[in-house]
Amino acid sequence: MGVSIRFCGAARTVTGSCYLLESEAGRLLVDCGSFQGPKTLKALNYGAFPFRPAEIDAVLLTHAHIDHSGLLPKLVLDGFRGQILATRGTIDLCSYLLPDSGNIQESEVVVLNRRNAARGRAEVRPIYTQADAVATLGYFRPVAYAHWVDVAKGIRARYWNAGHLLGSASIELEFAGEGLAGQPLRILFSGDLGPDQKLLQPDPEAPTGFDYVVVEATYGDVDRPATTAGARRRRLAAEVRDAAAAKGALLVPAFAVERTQELIVELADLMERQEIPAAPIFIDSPLAIRATEVFRQHAAALDGDIDIERALRSPHLRFTETADESKAIAKLSGFHVIIAASGMCEAGRIRHHLKRWLWHRDATVLLVGFQAQGTLGRFLEEGAAAVRIQGEEIKVAARIRRIDDYSGHADGPELARWTAARRPIRRGVFLVHGEEQGIAGLAERIGERSVPASQVFRPILDDIYELTTAAPTPIDAARRRRLAPEAVVDLDWHNDMSKLILDINDRIEAVADDRARGVIIRRLRRALEAED
C-alpha cells in the first residue's frame, strides 16, 4: 500500500487545515480544522468528510486555532474513536476554544432559523453543539515537546515548538520501512510558524533530514521590514495616539488566543509608561478572558522577559463577559479601545461593534493579522466603501488601519530560512496553508535555496500523492474533489451578490430624482426577466 497523503484542507487557502495519511499501519489526520471565508468554502464544514472518520486511528493536532481544530467535534460525531494527540498548552486552549465554537454555532443557527422561518425555508442544525465539543475533549492525550510517541504500530511522531501560539507544534512523523532502502519515511509538518521577534513565544525549532516537508505559506510572498520589539511598540503607539486624536473608538479585531494577550501586554505597558493616552481597554470576548487565564497558568513557558501577571492586572483593562456588558460598551463615546474576536471579522462580538462604529469618521479599525479572501476583514483592508453585516448595509467612514507587526505567522524570508534549515530534504516540499500569491512567492524562494524547483509541489484541495515512490506521484483525485479548484481560490457568487447589492444601492442613491431611479430599476428587472 505504501504511504499516501490527501490534502483535505488548507490547500490554496489558509483555512480548514487537514491532511490524511494512509498506510498499511494506519490512517492518521494531521489537524482537522474549520473552513472560513467565502460561503462556498464554509459549506464544506457542513458536508461529509472525504474519508470515513471511524477508520481514522489518531489525530495529530498542531495547535488550537479553530482553522486547525474546529471540526474535531464533528469528527467524533461522525464516528472517530481514536486519540487526539496534542501538547498540554494546546489541550488547555482547546478546552475553551472548542466549546466556544459550538456555542457560537448554536447561537448563529438560532438567528438563521428565525430568518428561515420568516422566509418559509427549512430549519438548519449546527455542525455541533457546545455539549458535543465538551465530549470531544475526552479524546485528547497530552504529548511533550521533543519526545517520541508511538501513534500506531510502525508509526511514531515527535512534536517541536513552532513559535506560533501557546502549545503550537511542528510535527515530525516516521513510517518504519517505507523510506529509501528500507529506512523510515520521514515527514515534517510545519504547522503554523511564528515570526522572528514574536512576543511571548520562542523561535521555531525542528530537526533536519526529511523525505518530505509540508510547510505553510500564509505570508510566502511578503517581505516584512526588519523590526525589533521597540520598533513594533512605537508603531502600535503611533496608531493608538492617532485614534485617540480622532476622539472615537479604536476597534481591534483580534483572535481571542495569543493576539489578544499580546495586545493586552503592549497596550497596558504603553499606558503605564504614559506613551499613549490612558483609556479603558475592553476585552470583549468571553473566550479571550478564559484564554488569558490559560496564559497565566503557562506563564513559565512564555517569554521570561515579560511580566505577564503585571500586565494582566492593569487598571485600564475591562473584561466584559456577558452580553449585557458587551452591549453597554455601545453607549460610550470618546476614545476607548475595544479588542474583540474574530480576527477576520467573520463572527463574534466584533461585528456588533463594527455596525456601531464603521460609519463614524472619528472611529478607527486597526487590523493586526492576516485577512483571508472573502472575509469581512479582507473587504475592509482592501478599502470597501460599504459592507454588509448581518444583512445590513453599513457605509465605511472609519479610518481603516493595519499593522502587521503582531502577526503570528513568519513572512516569506523567515519561511524560506526555516525550510532551508531542514535540509537535506530528499524528495520534496509541499506548500499549503496559503493563497495563490503566498504559495507562488514561497515556491520561488524555496526553489532558490532548499530543493530544486521540480521538487516543490502546490497541492489543490483533495489532491492525493503516493509518497513511497521515487518522487511523489499524484493519484487521480478529480472524481473525489468536493469543489472545483477555481471555487477554492476565487471569491464565490455570495461575495459577488453582496457587492452587486451594494453597487445597486450606491447607483440608485447617486442619481438625481425618482424618475432616474425608476429607469435603473426597470433595466434591472428586464435583465432578470431575460434570464427566465
Protein backbone atom coordinates (compact mmCIF):
# COMPACT_ATOMS: atom_id res chain seq x y z
CA MET A 1 0.00 0.00 0.00
CA GLY A 2 2.86 2.40 0.76
CA VAL A 3 2.09 5.80 2.26
CA SER A 4 -0.18 8.40 0.69
CA ILE A 5 -1.24 11.91 1.66
CA ARG A 6 -4.52 13.62 0.86
CA PHE A 7 -4.82 17.40 1.23
CA CYS A 8 -8.29 17.69 2.76
CA GLY A 9 -7.94 21.36 3.67
CA ALA A 10 -5.65 24.42 3.69
CA ALA A 11 -4.70 23.73 0.06
CA ARG A 12 -4.65 27.02 -1.90
CA THR A 13 -6.46 28.55 1.06
CA VAL A 14 -5.42 29.45 4.61
CA THR A 15 -8.21 27.65 6.47
CA GLY A 16 -9.53 24.13 7.01
CA SER A 17 -6.13 22.58 7.79
CA CYS A 18 -6.47 18.79 7.47
CA TYR A 19 -4.13 16.18 5.98
CA LEU A 20 -4.92 12.46 5.71
CA LEU A 21 -2.01 9.99 5.78
CA GLU A 22 -2.78 6.37 4.88
CA SER A 23 -0.56 3.30 5.11
CA GLU A 24 -0.90 -0.37 5.99
CA ALA A 25 -0.01 0.57 9.56
CA GLY A 26 -2.88 3.02 9.99
CA ARG A 27 -4.77 6.12 8.96
CA LEU A 28 -3.84 9.44 10.57
CA LEU A 29 -5.01 13.02 10.36
CA VAL A 30 -2.75 15.99 10.93
CA ASP A 31 -5.24 18.67 12.06
CA CYS A 32 -8.98 18.78 11.49
CA GLY A 33 -9.88 22.44 11.11
CA SER A 34 -12.84 24.55 10.04
CA PHE A 35 -13.04 26.44 6.76
CA GLN A 36 -13.56 30.21 6.80
CA GLY A 37 -14.07 32.82 4.10
CA PRO A 38 -16.48 32.57 1.14
CA LYS A 39 -19.73 30.70 1.81
CA THR A 40 -18.87 28.09 -0.82
CA LEU A 41 -15.79 27.19 1.19
CA LYS A 42 -17.54 27.36 4.57
CA ALA A 43 -20.21 24.98 3.23
CA LEU A 44 -17.58 22.22 3.39
CA ASN A 45 -17.89 22.37 7.20
CA TYR A 46 -21.45 21.04 6.88
CA GLY A 47 -20.72 18.34 4.30
CA ALA A 48 -19.36 14.83 4.75
CA PHE A 49 -15.65 14.34 5.36
CA PRO A 50 -13.72 13.00 2.33
CA PHE A 51 -12.85 9.92 4.43
CA ARG A 52 -14.58 7.69 6.98
CA PRO A 53 -13.98 9.12 10.47
CA ALA A 54 -14.47 5.69 12.09
CA GLU A 55 -11.41 4.44 10.17
CA ILE A 56 -9.06 7.17 11.45
CA ASP A 57 -6.71 5.80 14.11
CA ALA A 58 -5.41 9.10 15.52
CA VAL A 59 -5.34 12.86 15.01
CA LEU A 60 -2.09 14.77 15.46
CA LEU A 61 -3.00 18.38 16.25
CA THR A 62 -0.50 21.17 15.54
CA HIS A 63 -2.26 23.83 17.63
CA ALA A 64 -5.57 25.09 19.00
CA HIS A 65 -6.71 27.66 16.43
CA ILE A 66 -10.14 26.78 15.05
CA ASP A 67 -8.93 26.61 11.45
CA HIS A 68 -6.81 23.66 12.66
CA SER A 69 -9.01 22.12 15.37
CA GLY A 70 -12.56 23.29 14.71
CA LEU A 71 -14.02 20.16 13.10
CA LEU A 72 -12.79 17.71 15.75
CA PRO A 73 -16.24 17.53 17.42
CA LYS A 74 -17.81 16.78 14.03
CA LEU A 75 -15.19 14.07 13.51
CA VAL A 76 -16.22 12.45 16.80
CA LEU A 77 -19.93 12.81 16.00
CA ASP A 78 -19.31 11.02 12.70
CA GLY A 79 -17.62 8.01 14.31
CA PHE A 80 -14.00 8.77 15.22
CA ARG A 81 -12.91 6.91 18.36
CA GLY A 82 -9.12 7.26 18.32
CA GLN A 83 -6.78 9.58 20.22
CA ILE A 84 -6.17 13.28 19.57
CA LEU A 85 -2.51 13.94 20.37
CA ALA A 86 -1.55 17.49 21.31
CA THR A 87 0.69 19.44 23.66
CA ARG A 88 -0.64 20.40 27.07
CA GLY A 89 -0.89 24.08 26.07
CA THR A 90 -2.97 23.13 23.02
CA ILE A 91 -5.27 20.92 25.08
CA ASP A 92 -5.83 23.64 27.67
CA LEU A 93 -6.70 26.18 24.97
CA CYS A 94 -8.95 23.72 23.11
CA SER A 95 -10.87 23.13 26.34
CA TYR A 96 -12.21 26.68 25.84
CA LEU A 97 -11.94 27.17 22.07
CA LEU A 98 -13.97 24.15 21.01
CA PRO A 99 -16.92 24.64 23.40
CA ASP A 100 -16.94 28.31 22.41
CA SER A 101 -17.08 27.30 18.75
CA GLY A 102 -20.04 25.02 19.49
CA ASN A 103 -21.80 27.79 21.38
CA ILE A 104 -21.29 30.25 18.50
CA GLN A 105 -22.73 27.74 16.05
CA GLU A 106 -25.77 27.15 18.23
CA SER A 107 -26.36 30.91 18.61
CA GLU A 108 -25.95 31.64 14.90
CA VAL A 109 -28.30 28.81 13.95
CA VAL A 110 -31.00 30.28 16.23
CA VAL A 111 -30.76 33.60 14.35
CA LEU A 112 -30.62 31.88 10.96
CA ASN A 113 -33.62 29.69 11.69
CA ARG A 114 -35.61 32.75 12.75
CA ARG A 115 -34.91 34.24 9.33
CA ASN A 116 -35.60 30.93 7.58
CA ALA A 117 -38.98 30.63 9.30
CA ALA A 118 -39.93 34.13 8.13
CA ARG A 119 -38.93 33.18 4.57
CA GLY A 120 -40.60 29.77 4.63
CA ARG A 121 -37.29 27.90 4.47
CA ALA A 122 -36.31 24.71 6.27
CA GLU A 123 -34.53 24.81 9.60
CA VAL A 124 -30.81 24.05 9.79
CA ARG A 125 -28.82 22.42 12.56
CA PRO A 126 -25.43 23.44 13.95
CA ILE A 127 -22.42 21.43 12.82
CA TYR A 128 -22.03 20.51 16.50
CA THR A 129 -23.12 21.85 19.84
CA GLN A 130 -21.26 23.04 22.89
CA ALA A 131 -22.01 19.70 24.55
CA ASP A 132 -20.54 17.84 21.56
CA ALA A 133 -17.36 19.89 21.87
CA VAL A 134 -17.06 19.17 25.59
CA ALA A 135 -17.44 15.44 24.88
CA THR A 136 -14.62 15.65 22.32
CA LEU A 137 -12.18 16.82 24.97
CA GLY A 138 -12.20 13.30 26.39
CA TYR A 139 -10.31 12.06 23.32
CA PHE A 140 -7.29 14.34 23.84
CA ARG A 141 -3.98 12.91 25.07
CA PRO A 142 -1.00 15.15 26.01
CA VAL A 143 2.42 14.84 24.40
CA ALA A 144 5.66 16.57 25.39
CA TYR A 145 7.90 18.51 23.03
CA ALA A 146 10.94 16.66 21.61
CA HIS A 147 9.83 13.19 22.79
CA TRP A 148 8.83 10.34 20.50
CA VAL A 149 5.32 8.95 20.90
CA ASP A 150 4.02 5.78 19.23
CA VAL A 151 0.95 6.56 17.12
CA ALA A 152 0.35 3.10 15.62
CA LYS A 153 2.48 0.01 15.04
CA GLY A 154 5.40 1.20 12.92
CA ILE A 155 4.40 4.90 13.10
CA ARG A 156 5.81 7.37 15.60
CA ALA A 157 5.67 11.15 16.00
CA ARG A 158 7.61 13.92 17.68
CA TYR A 159 6.42 17.48 18.41
CA TRP A 160 8.61 20.61 18.14
CA ASN A 161 7.80 24.12 19.29
CA ALA A 162 6.58 26.12 16.25
CA GLY A 163 6.73 29.53 17.98
CA HIS A 164 3.26 30.48 16.68
CA LEU A 165 0.98 30.11 19.70
CA LEU A 166 0.98 28.70 23.20
CA GLY A 167 1.38 24.94 22.65
CA SER A 168 1.86 25.17 18.88
CA ALA A 169 3.94 22.46 17.23
CA SER A 170 5.60 21.29 14.08
CA ILE A 171 5.06 17.53 13.86
CA GLU A 172 7.69 15.02 12.75
CA LEU A 173 6.38 11.64 11.53
CA GLU A 174 8.23 8.39 10.82
CA PHE A 175 6.79 5.40 8.97
CA ALA A 176 9.02 2.35 9.59
CA GLY A 177 10.45 0.69 6.47
CA GLU A 178 8.67 2.98 3.99
CA GLY A 179 11.64 5.19 3.08
CA LEU A 180 14.57 4.75 0.73
CA ALA A 181 16.49 1.47 1.10
CA GLY A 182 14.13 0.29 3.83
CA GLN A 183 14.77 3.30 6.04
CA PRO A 184 11.89 5.08 7.80
CA LEU A 185 9.90 7.51 5.67
CA ARG A 186 10.34 10.87 7.42
CA ILE A 187 7.80 13.70 7.02
CA LEU A 188 7.68 17.06 8.79
CA PHE A 189 4.53 19.18 9.01
CA SER A 190 5.45 22.76 9.84
CA GLY A 191 2.07 23.71 11.28
CA ASP A 192 1.83 27.49 11.57
CA LEU A 193 5.26 29.01 12.16
CA GLY A 194 5.84 32.07 14.29
CA PRO A 195 7.93 35.02 13.06
CA ASP A 196 11.18 36.38 14.43
CA GLN A 197 10.70 38.82 17.33
CA LYS A 198 7.39 37.12 18.26
CA LEU A 199 6.06 38.48 21.51
CA LEU A 200 5.53 35.78 24.20
CA GLN A 201 6.82 32.87 22.09
CA PRO A 202 10.30 31.42 21.36
CA ASP A 203 11.69 30.97 17.85
CA PRO A 204 10.52 27.83 15.97
CA GLU A 205 12.66 24.71 16.14
CA ALA A 206 12.78 21.35 14.34
CA PRO A 207 15.36 18.73 13.28
CA THR A 208 16.90 18.13 9.84
CA GLY A 209 16.90 15.44 7.19
CA PHE A 210 13.47 14.54 5.79
CA ASP A 211 11.93 12.87 2.79
CA TYR A 212 9.15 15.46 2.70
CA VAL A 213 8.40 18.76 4.39
CA VAL A 214 4.85 20.18 4.36
CA VAL A 215 5.19 23.90 5.03
CA GLU A 216 2.72 26.74 5.48
CA ALA A 217 2.82 29.65 3.01
CA THR A 218 0.46 32.22 4.54
CA TYR A 219 2.90 35.10 4.04
CA GLY A 220 5.13 33.39 1.48
CA ASP A 221 5.08 36.43 -0.82
CA VAL A 222 5.60 39.02 1.93
CA ASP A 223 8.87 40.66 2.99
CA ARG A 224 8.23 42.49 6.21
CA PRO A 225 10.65 45.27 7.11
CA ALA A 226 13.13 44.13 9.72
CA THR A 227 11.82 45.06 13.12
CA THR A 228 12.60 44.99 16.81
CA ALA A 229 10.42 44.82 19.88
CA GLY A 230 10.94 48.56 20.39
CA ALA A 231 10.04 49.46 16.80
CA ARG A 232 6.90 47.34 16.98
CA ARG A 233 5.80 49.11 20.16
CA ARG A 234 6.44 52.53 18.62
CA ARG A 235 4.29 51.73 15.57
CA LEU A 236 1.45 50.49 17.77
CA ALA A 237 1.76 53.59 19.97
CA ALA A 238 1.56 55.87 16.92
CA GLU A 239 -1.64 54.19 15.73
CA VAL A 240 -3.22 54.48 19.18
CA ARG A 241 -2.29 58.16 19.50
CA ASP A 242 -3.85 58.89 16.09
CA ALA A 243 -7.03 57.05 17.09
CA ALA A 244 -7.17 58.98 20.36
CA ALA A 245 -6.75 62.28 18.49
CA ALA A 246 -9.81 61.40 16.39
CA LYS A 247 -11.80 61.09 19.66
CA GLY A 248 -13.65 57.92 18.65
CA ALA A 249 -13.46 54.23 19.41
CA LEU A 250 -10.42 52.17 18.43
CA LEU A 251 -11.70 48.75 17.31
CA VAL A 252 -9.16 45.93 17.14
CA PRO A 253 -10.46 42.69 15.59
CA ALA A 254 -8.15 40.08 17.11
CA PHE A 255 -8.05 36.36 17.59
CA ALA A 256 -9.04 35.58 21.16
CA VAL A 257 -5.96 33.44 21.68
CA GLU A 258 -2.42 34.87 21.65
CA ARG A 259 -3.06 38.03 19.59
CA THR A 260 -5.36 39.45 22.26
CA GLN A 261 -2.91 38.59 25.05
CA GLU A 262 -0.04 40.21 23.13
CA LEU A 263 -2.04 43.39 22.67
CA ILE A 264 -3.05 43.43 26.34
CA VAL A 265 0.60 43.27 27.36
CA GLU A 266 1.70 46.00 24.94
CA LEU A 267 -1.20 48.43 25.47
CA ALA A 268 -1.18 48.14 29.26
CA ASP A 269 2.56 48.78 29.36
CA LEU A 270 2.35 51.73 26.94
CA MET A 271 -0.36 53.34 29.06
CA GLU A 272 1.59 52.72 32.26
CA ARG A 273 4.62 54.44 30.71
CA GLN A 274 2.37 57.29 29.50
CA GLU A 275 3.45 56.74 25.89
CA ILE A 276 -0.20 56.65 24.79
CA PRO A 277 -3.29 58.30 26.33
CA ALA A 278 -4.83 56.34 29.17
CA ALA A 279 -8.25 54.92 28.31
CA PRO A 280 -10.40 51.87 29.05
CA ILE A 281 -9.29 48.74 27.16
CA PHE A 282 -12.31 46.48 26.76
CA ILE A 283 -11.55 42.79 26.21
CA ASP A 284 -14.97 41.95 24.80
CA SER A 285 -14.72 38.20 24.40
CA PRO A 286 -15.56 35.51 26.94
CA LEU A 287 -13.18 33.20 25.09
CA ALA A 288 -10.32 35.72 25.27
CA ILE A 289 -10.93 36.10 29.01
CA ARG A 290 -10.68 32.35 29.54
CA ALA A 291 -7.70 32.05 27.21
CA THR A 292 -5.95 34.77 29.18
CA GLU A 293 -6.27 32.62 32.29
CA VAL A 294 -4.62 29.73 30.38
CA PHE A 295 -1.73 32.06 29.53
CA ARG A 296 -1.42 32.89 33.23
CA GLN A 297 -1.18 29.17 34.02
CA HIS A 298 1.52 28.68 31.37
CA ALA A 299 3.46 31.88 32.10
CA ALA A 300 6.63 29.90 32.86
CA ALA A 301 6.68 28.56 29.29
CA LEU A 302 6.39 32.04 27.76
CA ASP A 303 8.95 34.82 27.28
CA GLY A 304 10.62 35.25 30.66
CA ASP A 305 11.46 38.91 29.98
CA ILE A 306 7.77 39.94 30.06
CA ASP A 307 5.85 40.43 33.31
CA ILE A 308 2.59 38.94 32.08
CA GLU A 309 0.97 38.97 35.52
CA ARG A 310 1.58 42.69 35.93
CA ALA A 311 0.12 43.50 32.50
CA LEU A 312 -2.98 41.42 33.18
CA ARG A 313 -3.59 43.34 36.43
CA SER A 314 -3.61 46.72 34.66
CA PRO A 315 -6.31 49.08 36.00
CA HIS A 316 -7.09 50.06 32.39
CA LEU A 317 -8.39 46.58 31.46
CA ARG A 318 -12.12 45.89 31.41
CA PHE A 319 -13.15 42.27 30.86
CA THR A 320 -16.73 42.12 29.52
CA GLU A 321 -18.03 38.58 29.67
CA THR A 322 -21.82 38.85 29.48
CA ALA A 323 -23.88 40.01 26.51
CA ASP A 324 -25.31 42.88 28.58
CA GLU A 325 -21.81 44.08 29.48
CA SER A 326 -20.87 43.95 25.81
CA LYS A 327 -23.95 45.92 24.74
CA ALA A 328 -23.21 48.57 27.37
CA ILE A 329 -19.96 49.45 25.57
CA ALA A 330 -22.03 50.75 22.65
CA LYS A 331 -23.26 53.58 24.87
CA LEU A 332 -19.76 55.02 25.24
CA SER A 333 -18.45 57.93 23.25
CA GLY A 334 -14.98 59.40 23.01
CA PHE A 335 -11.72 57.49 22.84
CA HIS A 336 -11.68 53.92 24.15
CA VAL A 337 -10.21 50.63 22.94
CA ILE A 338 -12.25 47.53 22.12
CA ILE A 339 -10.48 44.24 21.41
CA ALA A 340 -12.92 41.58 20.22
CA ALA A 341 -12.97 38.42 18.13
CA SER A 342 -12.91 37.32 15.45
CA GLY A 343 -9.63 38.43 13.94
CA MET A 344 -11.06 38.33 10.38
CA CYS A 345 -14.38 39.94 11.45
CA GLU A 346 -16.27 36.82 10.40
CA ALA A 347 -18.16 36.17 13.65
CA GLY A 348 -18.38 37.15 17.28
CA ARG A 349 -18.87 40.48 19.02
CA ILE A 350 -16.57 42.50 16.77
CA ARG A 351 -19.32 42.55 14.13
CA HIS A 352 -21.69 44.36 16.51
CA HIS A 353 -19.04 46.95 17.29
CA LEU A 354 -18.32 47.41 13.57
CA LYS A 355 -22.02 48.01 12.93
CA ARG A 356 -21.97 50.63 15.70
CA TRP A 357 -18.80 52.45 14.61
CA LEU A 358 -17.89 51.83 10.93
CA TRP A 359 -19.97 54.75 9.68
CA HIS A 360 -18.35 57.21 12.13
CA ARG A 361 -15.46 59.29 10.81
CA ASP A 362 -13.95 59.58 14.28
CA ALA A 363 -13.61 55.79 14.69
CA THR A 364 -10.57 53.69 13.83
CA VAL A 365 -10.38 49.99 12.91
CA LEU A 366 -6.90 48.55 13.40
CA LEU A 367 -6.29 45.24 11.61
CA VAL A 368 -3.46 43.28 13.23
CA GLY A 369 -3.49 39.93 11.44
CA PHE A 370 -3.97 38.11 8.14
CA GLN A 371 -7.36 38.67 6.49
CA ALA A 372 -8.38 35.71 4.32
CA GLN A 373 -10.01 36.19 0.94
CA GLY A 374 -13.78 36.58 1.17
CA THR A 375 -13.80 37.69 4.81
CA LEU A 376 -15.22 40.98 6.07
CA GLY A 377 -11.77 41.92 7.34
CA ARG A 378 -10.32 41.49 3.83
CA PHE A 379 -13.01 43.75 2.31
CA LEU A 380 -12.22 46.45 4.89
CA GLU A 381 -8.49 46.04 4.30
CA GLU A 382 -9.00 46.48 0.54
CA GLY A 383 -10.88 49.75 1.01
CA ALA A 384 -14.55 48.80 0.61
CA ALA A 385 -16.78 51.89 0.67
CA ALA A 386 -19.62 49.86 2.20
CA VAL A 387 -20.05 46.36 3.58
CA ARG A 388 -22.92 44.11 4.58
CA ILE A 389 -23.04 42.91 8.19
CA GLN A 390 -25.82 40.56 9.28
CA GLY A 391 -27.88 41.54 6.26
CA GLU A 392 -27.48 45.31 6.76
CA GLU A 393 -25.55 47.70 4.55
CA ILE A 394 -23.02 49.76 6.51
CA LYS A 395 -21.07 52.66 5.00
CA VAL A 396 -17.36 52.67 5.82
CA ALA A 397 -16.33 56.10 7.07
CA ALA A 398 -13.99 54.99 9.86
CA ARG A 399 -10.23 55.02 9.39
CA ILE A 400 -9.07 51.51 8.40
CA ARG A 401 -5.51 50.96 9.52
CA ARG A 402 -3.24 47.94 9.51
CA ILE A 403 -0.05 46.89 11.23
CA ASP A 404 1.49 43.50 10.61
CA ASP A 405 3.97 43.52 13.49
CA TYR A 406 1.75 41.30 15.64
CA SER A 407 1.18 38.63 13.03
CA GLY A 408 1.51 35.10 14.34
CA HIS A 409 2.99 33.92 11.03
CA ALA A 410 6.52 34.04 9.66
CA ASP A 411 6.99 36.07 6.47
CA GLY A 412 8.50 34.83 3.19
CA PRO A 413 12.20 35.11 4.07
CA GLU A 414 11.60 33.55 7.51
CA LEU A 415 9.67 30.63 5.97
CA ALA A 416 12.42 30.11 3.39
CA ARG A 417 15.12 30.12 6.08
CA TRP A 418 13.16 27.67 8.24
CA THR A 419 12.71 25.31 5.28
CA ALA A 420 16.36 25.55 4.26
CA ALA A 421 17.37 24.67 7.82
CA ARG A 422 15.53 21.33 7.46
CA ARG A 423 17.90 20.11 4.69
CA PRO A 424 18.60 17.62 3.35
CA ILE A 425 15.05 17.27 2.01
CA ARG A 426 15.30 14.24 -0.22
CA ARG A 427 12.05 14.06 -2.19
CA GLY A 428 10.02 17.24 -1.99
CA VAL A 429 8.33 20.17 -0.30
CA PHE A 430 4.55 20.63 -0.30
CA LEU A 431 3.30 24.21 0.08
CA VAL A 432 -0.01 24.53 1.96
CA HIS A 433 -1.97 26.99 4.11
CA GLY A 434 -1.61 29.85 1.65
CA GLU A 435 -3.46 31.66 -1.09
CA GLU A 436 -2.15 31.72 -4.65
CA GLN A 437 0.19 34.68 -4.17
CA GLY A 438 1.67 33.36 -0.93
CA ILE A 439 2.31 29.92 -2.39
CA ALA A 440 3.85 31.32 -5.58
CA GLY A 441 6.11 33.62 -3.57
CA LEU A 442 7.35 30.89 -1.27
CA ALA A 443 7.81 28.42 -4.16
CA GLU A 444 10.21 30.86 -5.80
CA ARG A 445 12.16 31.38 -2.56
CA ILE A 446 12.39 27.67 -1.72
CA GLY A 447 13.37 26.75 -5.27
CA GLU A 448 16.35 29.06 -4.86
CA ARG A 449 17.84 27.56 -1.71
CA SER A 450 16.23 24.33 -0.38
CA VAL A 451 15.28 21.90 -3.15
CA PRO A 452 15.10 22.03 -6.96
CA ALA A 453 12.00 23.78 -8.31
CA SER A 454 10.82 20.42 -9.69
CA GLN A 455 10.53 19.16 -6.12
CA VAL A 456 8.26 21.97 -4.91
CA PHE A 457 4.59 20.92 -5.04
CA ARG A 458 1.46 23.09 -4.78
CA PRO A 459 -1.45 20.78 -3.98
CA ILE A 460 -5.07 21.70 -4.65
CA LEU A 461 -7.88 20.74 -2.26
CA ASP A 462 -8.36 16.94 -2.22
CA ASP A 463 -5.18 16.19 -4.19
CA ILE A 464 -3.65 12.80 -3.29
CA TYR A 465 0.02 11.85 -3.62
CA GLU A 466 1.76 8.49 -3.22
CA LEU A 467 4.84 9.19 -1.09
CA THR A 468 6.81 5.94 -1.26
CA THR A 469 7.68 6.18 -4.95
CA ALA A 470 10.99 7.72 -6.04
CA ALA A 471 9.21 11.06 -6.38
CA PRO A 472 5.73 11.93 -5.05
CA THR A 473 3.21 10.55 -7.53
CA PRO A 474 -0.16 12.27 -7.99
CA ILE A 475 -3.14 9.94 -7.77
CA ASP A 476 -6.15 10.95 -9.84
CA ALA A 477 -8.31 12.93 -7.45
CA ALA A 478 -10.70 14.58 -9.91
CA ARG A 479 -13.59 12.26 -9.10
CA ARG A 480 -13.03 12.79 -5.38
CA ARG A 481 -12.98 16.60 -5.41
CA ARG A 482 -15.58 18.33 -3.26
CA LEU A 483 -15.05 21.66 -5.05
CA ALA A 484 -13.71 22.69 -8.42
CA PRO A 485 -10.20 24.17 -8.00
CA GLU A 486 -11.36 27.64 -9.02
CA ALA A 487 -14.06 27.57 -6.31
CA VAL A 488 -11.31 27.26 -3.69
CA VAL A 489 -9.20 30.19 -4.84
CA ASP A 490 -11.79 32.67 -6.17
CA LEU A 491 -14.48 34.73 -4.48
CA ASP A 492 -17.84 32.98 -4.83
CA TRP A 493 -21.25 34.13 -6.02
CA HIS A 494 -22.25 35.11 -2.47
CA ASN A 495 -19.45 37.68 -2.44
CA ASP A 496 -20.44 38.86 -5.93
CA MET A 497 -24.08 39.17 -4.83
CA SER A 498 -23.18 41.27 -1.78
CA LYS A 499 -21.06 43.59 -3.92
CA LEU A 500 -23.80 43.85 -6.55
CA ILE A 501 -26.40 44.83 -3.94
CA LEU A 502 -24.07 47.50 -2.57
CA ASP A 503 -23.34 48.81 -6.09
CA ILE A 504 -27.07 48.96 -6.96
CA ASN A 505 -27.83 50.89 -3.79
CA ASP A 506 -24.98 53.31 -4.47
CA ARG A 507 -26.08 53.90 -8.06
CA ILE A 508 -29.73 54.46 -7.14
CA GLU A 509 -28.81 56.88 -4.35
CA ALA A 510 -26.44 58.80 -6.61
CA VAL A 511 -28.96 59.69 -9.37
CA ALA A 512 -30.85 62.95 -9.29
CA ASP A 513 -34.51 62.00 -8.96
CA ASP A 514 -37.13 59.27 -8.68
CA ARG A 515 -37.60 59.09 -12.45
CA ALA A 516 -33.92 58.19 -12.98
CA ARG A 517 -34.13 55.65 -10.17
CA GLY A 518 -37.14 54.08 -11.86
CA VAL A 519 -35.17 53.74 -15.12
CA ILE A 520 -32.39 51.82 -13.34
CA ILE A 521 -34.87 49.52 -11.59
CA ARG A 522 -36.72 48.77 -14.87
CA ARG A 523 -33.43 47.93 -16.59
CA LEU A 524 -32.53 45.55 -13.79
CA ARG A 525 -35.98 43.98 -14.00
CA ARG A 526 -35.62 43.42 -17.75
CA ALA A 527 -32.20 41.82 -17.23
CA LEU A 528 -33.69 39.41 -14.68
CA GLU A 529 -36.64 38.56 -16.94
CA ALA A 530 -34.28 37.90 -19.85
CA GLU A 531 -32.72 35.06 -17.79
CA ASP A 532 -36.09 33.28 -17.31
